[in-house]
PDB file of all heavy atoms in Angstrom:
ATOM      1  N   TYR A   1      19.306 -16.812 -18.119  1.00  0.00           N
ATOM      2  CA  TYR A   1      20.390 -17.564 -18.711  1.00  0.00           C
ATOM      3  C   TYR A   1      20.052 -18.060 -20.086  1.00  0.00           C
ATOM      4  O   TYR A   1      19.232 -18.930 -20.201  1.00  0.00           O
ATOM      5  CB  TYR A   1      20.743 -18.709 -17.769  1.00  0.00           C
ATOM      6  CG  TYR A   1      21.024 -18.261 -16.396  1.00  0.00           C
ATOM      7  CD1 TYR A   1      20.104 -18.431 -15.405  1.00  0.00           C
ATOM      8  CD2 TYR A   1      22.250 -17.630 -16.076  1.00  0.00           C
ATOM      9  CE1 TYR A   1      20.350 -17.982 -14.102  1.00  0.00           C
ATOM     10  CE2 TYR A   1      22.438 -17.184 -14.795  1.00  0.00           C
ATOM     11  CZ  TYR A   1      21.549 -17.344 -13.824  1.00  0.00           C
ATOM     12  OH  TYR A   1      21.808 -16.879 -12.566  1.00  0.00           O
ATOM     13  N   PRO A   2      20.632 -17.552 -21.122  1.00  0.00           N
ATOM     14  CA  PRO A   2      21.584 -16.360 -21.122  1.00  0.00           C
ATOM     15  C   PRO A   2      20.720 -15.160 -20.884  1.00  0.00           C
ATOM     16  O   PRO A   2      19.540 -15.065 -21.217  1.00  0.00           O
ATOM     17  CB  PRO A   2      22.127 -16.374 -22.499  1.00  0.00           C
ATOM     18  CG  PRO A   2      21.099 -17.072 -23.401  1.00  0.00           C
ATOM     19  CD  PRO A   2      20.442 -18.099 -22.467  1.00  0.00           C
ATOM     20  N   PRO A   3      21.326 -14.139 -20.260  1.00  0.00           N
ATOM     21  CA  PRO A   3      20.582 -12.951 -19.851  1.00  0.00           C
ATOM     22  C   PRO A   3      19.972 -12.176 -21.071  1.00  0.00           C
ATOM     23  O   PRO A   3      20.587 -12.040 -22.122  1.00  0.00           O
ATOM     24  CB  PRO A   3      21.595 -12.044 -19.207  1.00  0.00           C
ATOM     25  CG  PRO A   3      22.707 -12.977 -18.836  1.00  0.00           C
ATOM     26  CD  PRO A   3      22.713 -14.096 -19.862  1.00  0.00           C
ATOM     27  N   LYS A   4      18.788 -11.736 -20.869  1.00  0.00           N
ATOM     28  CA  LYS A   4      18.060 -10.882 -21.835  1.00  0.00           C
ATOM     29  C   LYS A   4      17.367  -9.801 -21.021  1.00  0.00           C
ATOM     30  O   LYS A   4      16.434 -10.045 -20.270  1.00  0.00           O
ATOM     31  CB  LYS A   4      17.018 -11.709 -22.618  1.00  0.00           C
ATOM     32  CG  LYS A   4      16.452 -10.857 -23.735  1.00  0.00           C
ATOM     33  CD  LYS A   4      15.432 -11.691 -24.512  1.00  0.00           C
ATOM     34  CE  LYS A   4      16.136 -12.637 -25.426  1.00  0.00           C
ATOM     35  NZ  LYS A   4      15.209 -13.347 -26.327  1.00  0.00           N
ATOM     36  N   VAL A   5      17.922  -8.574 -21.097  1.00  0.00           N
ATOM     37  CA  VAL A   5      17.461  -7.419 -20.311  1.00  0.00           C
ATOM     38  C   VAL A   5      16.760  -6.448 -21.150  1.00  0.00           C
ATOM     39  O   VAL A   5      17.346  -6.033 -22.187  1.00  0.00           O
ATOM     40  CB  VAL A   5      18.583  -6.799 -19.503  1.00  0.00           C
ATOM     41  CG1 VAL A   5      18.056  -5.609 -18.588  1.00  0.00           C
ATOM     42  CG2 VAL A   5      19.378  -7.837 -18.685  1.00  0.00           C
ATOM     43  N   LEU A   6      15.547  -6.081 -20.781  1.00  0.00           N
ATOM     44  CA  LEU A   6      14.842  -4.996 -21.519  1.00  0.00           C
ATOM     45  C   LEU A   6      15.038  -3.710 -20.803  1.00  0.00           C
ATOM     46  O   LEU A   6      14.871  -3.639 -19.620  1.00  0.00           O
ATOM     47  CB  LEU A   6      13.327  -5.349 -21.598  1.00  0.00           C
ATOM     48  CG  LEU A   6      12.964  -6.513 -22.497  1.00  0.00           C
ATOM     49  CD1 LEU A   6      12.083  -7.400 -21.775  1.00  0.00           C
ATOM     50  CD2 LEU A   6      12.363  -5.938 -23.757  1.00  0.00           C
ATOM     51  N   TYR A   7      15.475  -2.691 -21.560  1.00  0.00           N
ATOM     52  CA  TYR A   7      15.548  -1.382 -21.090  1.00  0.00           C
ATOM     53  C   TYR A   7      14.331  -0.577 -21.591  1.00  0.00           C
ATOM     54  O   TYR A   7      14.211  -0.432 -22.810  1.00  0.00           O
ATOM     55  CB  TYR A   7      16.829  -0.687 -21.528  1.00  0.00           C
ATOM     56  CG  TYR A   7      18.015  -1.100 -20.733  1.00  0.00           C
ATOM     57  CD1 TYR A   7      18.638  -2.328 -20.974  1.00  0.00           C
ATOM     58  CD2 TYR A   7      18.557  -0.286 -19.752  1.00  0.00           C
ATOM     59  CE1 TYR A   7      19.725  -2.768 -20.244  1.00  0.00           C
ATOM     60  CE2 TYR A   7      19.660  -0.664 -18.990  1.00  0.00           C
ATOM     61  CZ  TYR A   7      20.237  -1.937 -19.210  1.00  0.00           C
ATOM     62  OH  TYR A   7      21.291  -2.314 -18.550  1.00  0.00           O
ATOM     63  N   LEU A   8      13.377  -0.246 -20.697  1.00  0.00           N
ATOM     64  CA  LEU A   8      12.140   0.377 -21.146  1.00  0.00           C
ATOM     65  C   LEU A   8      12.134   1.786 -20.597  1.00  0.00           C
ATOM     66  O   LEU A   8      12.593   2.016 -19.444  1.00  0.00           O
ATOM     67  CB  LEU A   8      10.936  -0.424 -20.583  1.00  0.00           C
ATOM     68  CG  LEU A   8      10.928  -1.909 -20.982  1.00  0.00           C
ATOM     69  CD1 LEU A   8       9.791  -2.647 -20.135  1.00  0.00           C
ATOM     70  CD2 LEU A   8      10.712  -2.075 -22.463  1.00  0.00           C
ATOM     71  N   TYR A   9      11.555   2.700 -21.298  1.00  0.00           N
ATOM     72  CA  TYR A   9      11.449   4.123 -20.921  1.00  0.00           C
ATOM     73  C   TYR A   9       9.986   4.480 -20.924  1.00  0.00           C
ATOM     74  O   TYR A   9       9.204   4.061 -21.778  1.00  0.00           O
ATOM     75  CB  TYR A   9      12.257   5.032 -21.842  1.00  0.00           C
ATOM     76  CG  TYR A   9      13.693   4.618 -21.773  1.00  0.00           C
ATOM     77  CD1 TYR A   9      14.246   3.718 -22.761  1.00  0.00           C
ATOM     78  CD2 TYR A   9      14.522   5.062 -20.789  1.00  0.00           C
ATOM     79  CE1 TYR A   9      15.574   3.373 -22.669  1.00  0.00           C
ATOM     80  CE2 TYR A   9      15.865   4.695 -20.708  1.00  0.00           C
ATOM     81  CZ  TYR A   9      16.426   3.804 -21.667  1.00  0.00           C
ATOM     82  OH  TYR A   9      17.667   3.427 -21.570  1.00  0.00           O
ATOM     83  N   GLY A  10       9.609   5.344 -19.977  1.00  0.00           N
ATOM     84  CA  GLY A  10       8.159   5.750 -20.002  1.00  0.00           C
ATOM     85  C   GLY A  10       7.961   6.972 -19.081  1.00  0.00           C
ATOM     86  O   GLY A  10       8.834   7.413 -18.387  1.00  0.00           O
ATOM     87  N   GLU A  11       6.723   7.399 -19.157  1.00  0.00           N
ATOM     88  CA  GLU A  11       6.248   8.502 -18.375  1.00  0.00           C
ATOM     89  C   GLU A  11       5.330   8.051 -17.282  1.00  0.00           C
ATOM     90  O   GLU A  11       4.476   7.204 -17.539  1.00  0.00           O
ATOM     91  CB  GLU A  11       5.480   9.471 -19.314  1.00  0.00           C
ATOM     92  CG  GLU A  11       4.901  10.654 -18.511  1.00  0.00           C
ATOM     93  CD  GLU A  11       4.095  11.573 -19.437  1.00  0.00           C
ATOM     94  OE1 GLU A  11       3.988  11.319 -20.629  1.00  0.00           O
ATOM     95  OE2 GLU A  11       3.527  12.590 -18.880  1.00  0.00           O
ATOM     96  N   VAL A  12       5.535   8.564 -16.071  1.00  0.00           N
ATOM     97  CA  VAL A  12       4.657   8.177 -14.953  1.00  0.00           C
ATOM     98  C   VAL A  12       3.354   8.940 -15.166  1.00  0.00           C
ATOM     99  O   VAL A  12       3.334  10.208 -15.172  1.00  0.00           O
ATOM    100  CB  VAL A  12       5.265   8.544 -13.587  1.00  0.00           C
ATOM    101  CG1 VAL A  12       4.325   8.307 -12.483  1.00  0.00           C
ATOM    102  CG2 VAL A  12       6.591   7.850 -13.405  1.00  0.00           C
ATOM    103  N   LEU A  13       2.242   8.204 -15.387  1.00  0.00           N
ATOM    104  CA  LEU A  13       0.951   8.833 -15.610  1.00  0.00           C
ATOM    105  C   LEU A  13       0.134   8.875 -14.346  1.00  0.00           C
ATOM    106  O   LEU A  13      -0.676   9.745 -14.153  1.00  0.00           O
ATOM    107  CB  LEU A  13       0.175   8.082 -16.699  1.00  0.00           C
ATOM    108  CG  LEU A  13       0.746   8.039 -18.120  1.00  0.00           C
ATOM    109  CD1 LEU A  13      -0.195   7.210 -19.022  1.00  0.00           C
ATOM    110  CD2 LEU A  13       0.961   9.431 -18.611  1.00  0.00           C
ATOM    111  N   ARG A  14       0.303   7.840 -13.487  1.00  0.00           N
ATOM    112  CA  ARG A  14      -0.555   7.729 -12.318  1.00  0.00           C
ATOM    113  C   ARG A  14       0.278   7.209 -11.157  1.00  0.00           C
ATOM    114  O   ARG A  14       1.119   6.429 -11.276  1.00  0.00           O
ATOM    115  CB  ARG A  14      -1.657   6.709 -12.735  1.00  0.00           C
ATOM    116  CG  ARG A  14      -2.808   6.631 -11.774  1.00  0.00           C
ATOM    117  CD  ARG A  14      -3.847   5.634 -12.272  1.00  0.00           C
ATOM    118  NE  ARG A  14      -3.412   4.238 -12.005  1.00  0.00           N
ATOM    119  CZ  ARG A  14      -3.029   3.393 -12.958  1.00  0.00           C
ATOM    120  NH1 ARG A  14      -3.067   3.707 -14.203  1.00  0.00           N
ATOM    121  NH2 ARG A  14      -2.607   2.216 -12.662  1.00  0.00           N
ATOM    122  N   ILE A  15      -0.146   7.760  -9.982  1.00  0.00           N
ATOM    123  CA  ILE A  15       0.471   7.313  -8.698  1.00  0.00           C
ATOM    124  C   ILE A  15      -0.671   7.064  -7.732  1.00  0.00           C
ATOM    125  O   ILE A  15      -1.490   7.933  -7.453  1.00  0.00           O
ATOM    126  CB  ILE A  15       1.438   8.324  -8.139  1.00  0.00           C
ATOM    127  CG1 ILE A  15       2.476   8.659  -9.168  1.00  0.00           C
ATOM    128  CG2 ILE A  15       2.028   7.836  -6.866  1.00  0.00           C
ATOM    129  CD1 ILE A  15       3.298   9.890  -8.920  1.00  0.00           C
ATOM    130  N   ASP A  16      -0.742   5.813  -7.239  1.00  0.00           N
ATOM    131  CA  ASP A  16      -1.751   5.474  -6.204  1.00  0.00           C
ATOM    132  C   ASP A  16      -1.093   4.945  -4.995  1.00  0.00           C
ATOM    133  O   ASP A  16      -0.036   4.293  -5.049  1.00  0.00           O
ATOM    134  CB  ASP A  16      -2.719   4.386  -6.795  1.00  0.00           C
ATOM    135  CG  ASP A  16      -3.449   4.865  -8.034  1.00  0.00           C
ATOM    136  OD1 ASP A  16      -3.950   6.006  -8.092  1.00  0.00           O
ATOM    137  OD2 ASP A  16      -3.684   4.054  -8.956  1.00  0.00           O
ATOM    138  N   ALA A  17      -1.708   5.220  -3.823  1.00  0.00           N
ATOM    139  CA  ALA A  17      -1.252   4.640  -2.628  1.00  0.00           C
ATOM    140  C   ALA A  17      -1.571   3.150  -2.626  1.00  0.00           C
ATOM    141  O   ALA A  17      -2.524   2.658  -3.166  1.00  0.00           O
ATOM    142  CB  ALA A  17      -1.897   5.307  -1.394  1.00  0.00           C
ATOM    143  N   VAL A  18      -0.773   2.373  -1.897  1.00  0.00           N
ATOM    144  CA  VAL A  18      -1.013   0.922  -1.725  1.00  0.00           C
ATOM    145  C   VAL A  18      -1.473   0.768  -0.271  1.00  0.00           C
ATOM    146  O   VAL A  18      -0.613   0.716   0.621  1.00  0.00           O
ATOM    147  CB  VAL A  18       0.269   0.093  -2.033  1.00  0.00           C
ATOM    148  CG1 VAL A  18      -0.012  -1.386  -1.894  1.00  0.00           C
ATOM    149  CG2 VAL A  18       0.745   0.445  -3.447  1.00  0.00           C
ATOM    150  N   PRO A  19      -2.795   0.663  -0.052  1.00  0.00           N
ATOM    151  CA  PRO A  19      -3.281   0.602   1.295  1.00  0.00           C
ATOM    152  C   PRO A  19      -2.728  -0.436   2.256  1.00  0.00           C
ATOM    153  O   PRO A  19      -2.411  -0.198   3.384  1.00  0.00           O
ATOM    154  CB  PRO A  19      -4.819   0.388   1.136  1.00  0.00           C
ATOM    155  CG  PRO A  19      -5.075   0.840  -0.270  1.00  0.00           C
ATOM    156  CD  PRO A  19      -3.849   0.589  -1.028  1.00  0.00           C
ATOM    157  N   GLU A  20      -2.468  -1.635   1.677  1.00  0.00           N
ATOM    158  CA  GLU A  20      -1.940  -2.690   2.497  1.00  0.00           C
ATOM    159  C   GLU A  20      -0.452  -2.623   2.750  1.00  0.00           C
ATOM    160  O   GLU A  20       0.077  -3.363   3.514  1.00  0.00           O
ATOM    161  CB  GLU A  20      -2.362  -4.056   1.886  1.00  0.00           C
ATOM    162  CG  GLU A  20      -1.717  -4.377   0.528  1.00  0.00           C
ATOM    163  CD  GLU A  20      -2.566  -3.826  -0.631  1.00  0.00           C
ATOM    164  OE1 GLU A  20      -3.593  -3.115  -0.408  1.00  0.00           O
ATOM    165  OE2 GLU A  20      -2.192  -4.117  -1.763  1.00  0.00           O
ATOM    166  N   LYS A  21       0.215  -1.647   2.083  1.00  0.00           N
ATOM    167  CA  LYS A  21       1.650  -1.473   2.231  1.00  0.00           C
ATOM    168  C   LYS A  21       1.940  -0.005   2.440  1.00  0.00           C
ATOM    169  O   LYS A  21       2.186   0.767   1.451  1.00  0.00           O
ATOM    170  CB  LYS A  21       2.378  -1.949   0.994  1.00  0.00           C
ATOM    171  CG  LYS A  21       2.303  -3.451   0.793  1.00  0.00           C
ATOM    172  CD  LYS A  21       3.071  -3.891  -0.408  1.00  0.00           C
ATOM    173  CE  LYS A  21       2.949  -5.370  -0.614  1.00  0.00           C
ATOM    174  NZ  LYS A  21       3.710  -5.789  -1.778  1.00  0.00           N
ATOM    175  N   PRO A  22       1.875   0.511   3.674  1.00  0.00           N
ATOM    176  CA  PRO A  22       2.116   1.934   3.931  1.00  0.00           C
ATOM    177  C   PRO A  22       3.503   2.405   3.444  1.00  0.00           C
ATOM    178  O   PRO A  22       4.510   1.643   3.502  1.00  0.00           O
ATOM    179  CB  PRO A  22       2.015   2.066   5.437  1.00  0.00           C
ATOM    180  CG  PRO A  22       1.256   0.856   5.908  1.00  0.00           C
ATOM    181  CD  PRO A  22       1.534  -0.225   4.875  1.00  0.00           C
ATOM    182  N   GLY A  23       3.529   3.600   2.801  1.00  0.00           N
ATOM    183  CA  GLY A  23       4.735   4.099   2.281  1.00  0.00           C
ATOM    184  C   GLY A  23       5.105   3.642   0.829  1.00  0.00           C
ATOM    185  O   GLY A  23       6.093   4.058   0.304  1.00  0.00           O
ATOM    186  N   MET A  24       4.270   2.779   0.315  1.00  0.00           N
ATOM    187  CA  MET A  24       4.472   2.252  -1.035  1.00  0.00           C
ATOM    188  C   MET A  24       3.553   2.932  -2.035  1.00  0.00           C
ATOM    189  O   MET A  24       2.460   3.357  -1.629  1.00  0.00           O
ATOM    190  CB  MET A  24       4.248   0.718  -1.057  1.00  0.00           C
ATOM    191  CG  MET A  24       5.161  -0.025  -0.110  1.00  0.00           C
ATOM    192  SD  MET A  24       6.927   0.119  -0.483  1.00  0.00           S
ATOM    193  CE  MET A  24       7.097  -1.011  -1.813  1.00  0.00           C
ATOM    194  N   HIS A  25       3.957   3.052  -3.273  1.00  0.00           N
ATOM    195  CA  HIS A  25       3.229   3.721  -4.296  1.00  0.00           C
ATOM    196  C   HIS A  25       3.106   2.833  -5.484  1.00  0.00           C
ATOM    197  O   HIS A  25       4.063   2.198  -5.895  1.00  0.00           O
ATOM    198  CB  HIS A  25       3.943   5.027  -4.670  1.00  0.00           C
ATOM    199  CG  HIS A  25       4.322   5.841  -3.561  1.00  0.00           C
ATOM    200  ND1 HIS A  25       3.457   6.603  -2.869  1.00  0.00           N
ATOM    201  CD2 HIS A  25       5.546   6.047  -2.999  1.00  0.00           C
ATOM    202  CE1 HIS A  25       4.167   7.271  -1.872  1.00  0.00           C
ATOM    203  NE2 HIS A  25       5.374   6.901  -1.947  1.00  0.00           N
ATOM    204  N   LEU A  26       1.933   2.752  -6.149  1.00  0.00           N
ATOM    205  CA  LEU A  26       1.698   2.048  -7.405  1.00  0.00           C
ATOM    206  C   LEU A  26       1.815   3.034  -8.491  1.00  0.00           C
ATOM    207  O   LEU A  26       1.065   3.994  -8.546  1.00  0.00           O
ATOM    208  CB  LEU A  26       0.320   1.381  -7.371  1.00  0.00           C
ATOM    209  CG  LEU A  26      -0.059   0.626  -8.636  1.00  0.00           C
ATOM    210  CD1 LEU A  26       0.820  -0.543  -8.803  1.00  0.00           C
ATOM    211  CD2 LEU A  26      -1.516   0.252  -8.602  1.00  0.00           C
ATOM    212  N   LEU A  27       2.788   2.821  -9.370  1.00  0.00           N
ATOM    213  CA  LEU A  27       3.041   3.727 -10.500  1.00  0.00           C
ATOM    214  C   LEU A  27       2.346   3.147 -11.728  1.00  0.00           C
ATOM    215  O   LEU A  27       2.516   1.951 -12.056  1.00  0.00           O
ATOM    216  CB  LEU A  27       4.522   3.902 -10.808  1.00  0.00           C
ATOM    217  CG  LEU A  27       5.473   4.429  -9.721  1.00  0.00           C
ATOM    218  CD1 LEU A  27       6.835   4.488 -10.205  1.00  0.00           C
ATOM    219  CD2 LEU A  27       4.977   5.701  -9.157  1.00  0.00           C
ATOM    220  N   GLY A  28       1.670   3.926 -12.488  1.00  0.00           N
ATOM    221  CA  GLY A  28       1.195   3.617 -13.781  1.00  0.00           C
ATOM    222  C   GLY A  28       2.091   4.280 -14.844  1.00  0.00           C
ATOM    223  O   GLY A  28       2.222   5.524 -14.846  1.00  0.00           O
ATOM    224  N   ILE A  29       2.679   3.531 -15.712  1.00  0.00           N
ATOM    225  CA  ILE A  29       3.742   4.038 -16.590  1.00  0.00           C
ATOM    226  C   ILE A  29       3.368   3.704 -18.045  1.00  0.00           C
ATOM    227  O   ILE A  29       2.937   2.543 -18.392  1.00  0.00           O
ATOM    228  CB  ILE A  29       5.147   3.423 -16.273  1.00  0.00           C
ATOM    229  CG1 ILE A  29       5.537   3.783 -14.889  1.00  0.00           C
ATOM    230  CG2 ILE A  29       6.170   3.844 -17.315  1.00  0.00           C
ATOM    231  CD1 ILE A  29       6.679   2.963 -14.374  1.00  0.00           C
ATOM    232  N   GLN A  30       3.405   4.731 -18.922  1.00  0.00           N
ATOM    233  CA  GLN A  30       3.150   4.557 -20.363  1.00  0.00           C
ATOM    234  C   GLN A  30       4.516   4.595 -21.066  1.00  0.00           C
ATOM    235  O   GLN A  30       5.294   5.536 -20.837  1.00  0.00           O
ATOM    236  CB  GLN A  30       2.250   5.637 -20.908  1.00  0.00           C
ATOM    237  CG  GLN A  30       2.011   5.445 -22.360  1.00  0.00           C
ATOM    238  CD  GLN A  30       1.059   6.557 -22.943  1.00  0.00           C
ATOM    239  OE1 GLN A  30       0.590   7.435 -22.134  1.00  0.00           O
ATOM    240  NE2 GLN A  30       0.737   6.483 -24.195  1.00  0.00           N
ATOM    241  N   PHE A  31       4.806   3.535 -21.861  1.00  0.00           N
ATOM    242  CA  PHE A  31       6.117   3.455 -22.505  1.00  0.00           C
ATOM    243  C   PHE A  31       6.222   4.484 -23.604  1.00  0.00           C
ATOM    244  O   PHE A  31       5.279   4.884 -24.251  1.00  0.00           O
ATOM    245  CB  PHE A  31       6.296   2.050 -23.132  1.00  0.00           C
ATOM    246  CG  PHE A  31       6.372   0.965 -22.126  1.00  0.00           C
ATOM    247  CD1 PHE A  31       5.821  -0.286 -22.337  1.00  0.00           C
ATOM    248  CD2 PHE A  31       7.092   1.142 -20.935  1.00  0.00           C
ATOM    249  CE1 PHE A  31       5.949  -1.325 -21.417  1.00  0.00           C
ATOM    250  CE2 PHE A  31       7.221   0.130 -19.949  1.00  0.00           C
ATOM    251  CZ  PHE A  31       6.616  -1.070 -20.279  1.00  0.00           C
ATOM    252  N   GLU A  32       7.499   4.922 -23.787  1.00  0.00           N
ATOM    253  CA  GLU A  32       7.863   5.872 -24.819  1.00  0.00           C
ATOM    254  C   GLU A  32       9.117   5.258 -25.542  1.00  0.00           C
ATOM    255  O   GLU A  32       9.863   4.537 -25.001  1.00  0.00           O
ATOM    256  CB  GLU A  32       8.314   7.197 -24.270  1.00  0.00           C
ATOM    257  CG  GLU A  32       7.243   7.874 -23.505  1.00  0.00           C
ATOM    258  CD  GLU A  32       7.676   9.178 -22.806  1.00  0.00           C
ATOM    259  OE1 GLU A  32       8.903   9.362 -22.623  1.00  0.00           O
ATOM    260  OE2 GLU A  32       6.849   9.987 -22.501  1.00  0.00           O
ATOM    261  N   GLY A  33       9.223   5.531 -26.811  1.00  0.00           N
ATOM    262  CA  GLY A  33      10.370   5.089 -27.613  1.00  0.00           C
ATOM    263  C   GLY A  33      10.359   3.577 -27.788  1.00  0.00           C
ATOM    264  O   GLY A  33      11.406   2.969 -27.866  1.00  0.00           O
ATOM    265  N   MET A  34       9.201   2.972 -27.864  1.00  0.00           N
ATOM    266  CA  MET A  34       9.080   1.512 -27.956  1.00  0.00           C
ATOM    267  C   MET A  34       9.411   1.104 -29.389  1.00  0.00           C
ATOM    268  O   MET A  34       8.728   1.527 -30.364  1.00  0.00           O
ATOM    269  CB  MET A  34       7.679   1.057 -27.578  1.00  0.00           C
ATOM    270  CG  MET A  34       7.470  -0.383 -27.682  1.00  0.00           C
ATOM    271  SD  MET A  34       8.478  -1.421 -26.577  1.00  0.00           S
ATOM    272  CE  MET A  34       7.796  -1.043 -24.974  1.00  0.00           C
ATOM    273  N   SER A  35      10.334   0.222 -29.531  1.00  0.00           N
ATOM    274  CA  SER A  35      10.629  -0.366 -30.882  1.00  0.00           C
ATOM    275  C   SER A  35       9.797  -1.620 -31.121  1.00  0.00           C
ATOM    276  O   SER A  35       9.305  -2.239 -30.145  1.00  0.00           O
ATOM    277  CB  SER A  35      12.146  -0.713 -30.979  1.00  0.00           C
ATOM    278  OG  SER A  35      12.419  -1.864 -30.178  1.00  0.00           O
TER     279      SER A  35
END
């Protein structure tokens, strides 16, 4: 309030399992097109 929303774009570089949360994935993302 007032809203400020960031639209970020990136490439998924890494995917890891989350052992304590079955079915969940930890994504590592590198931003692209960053102003």
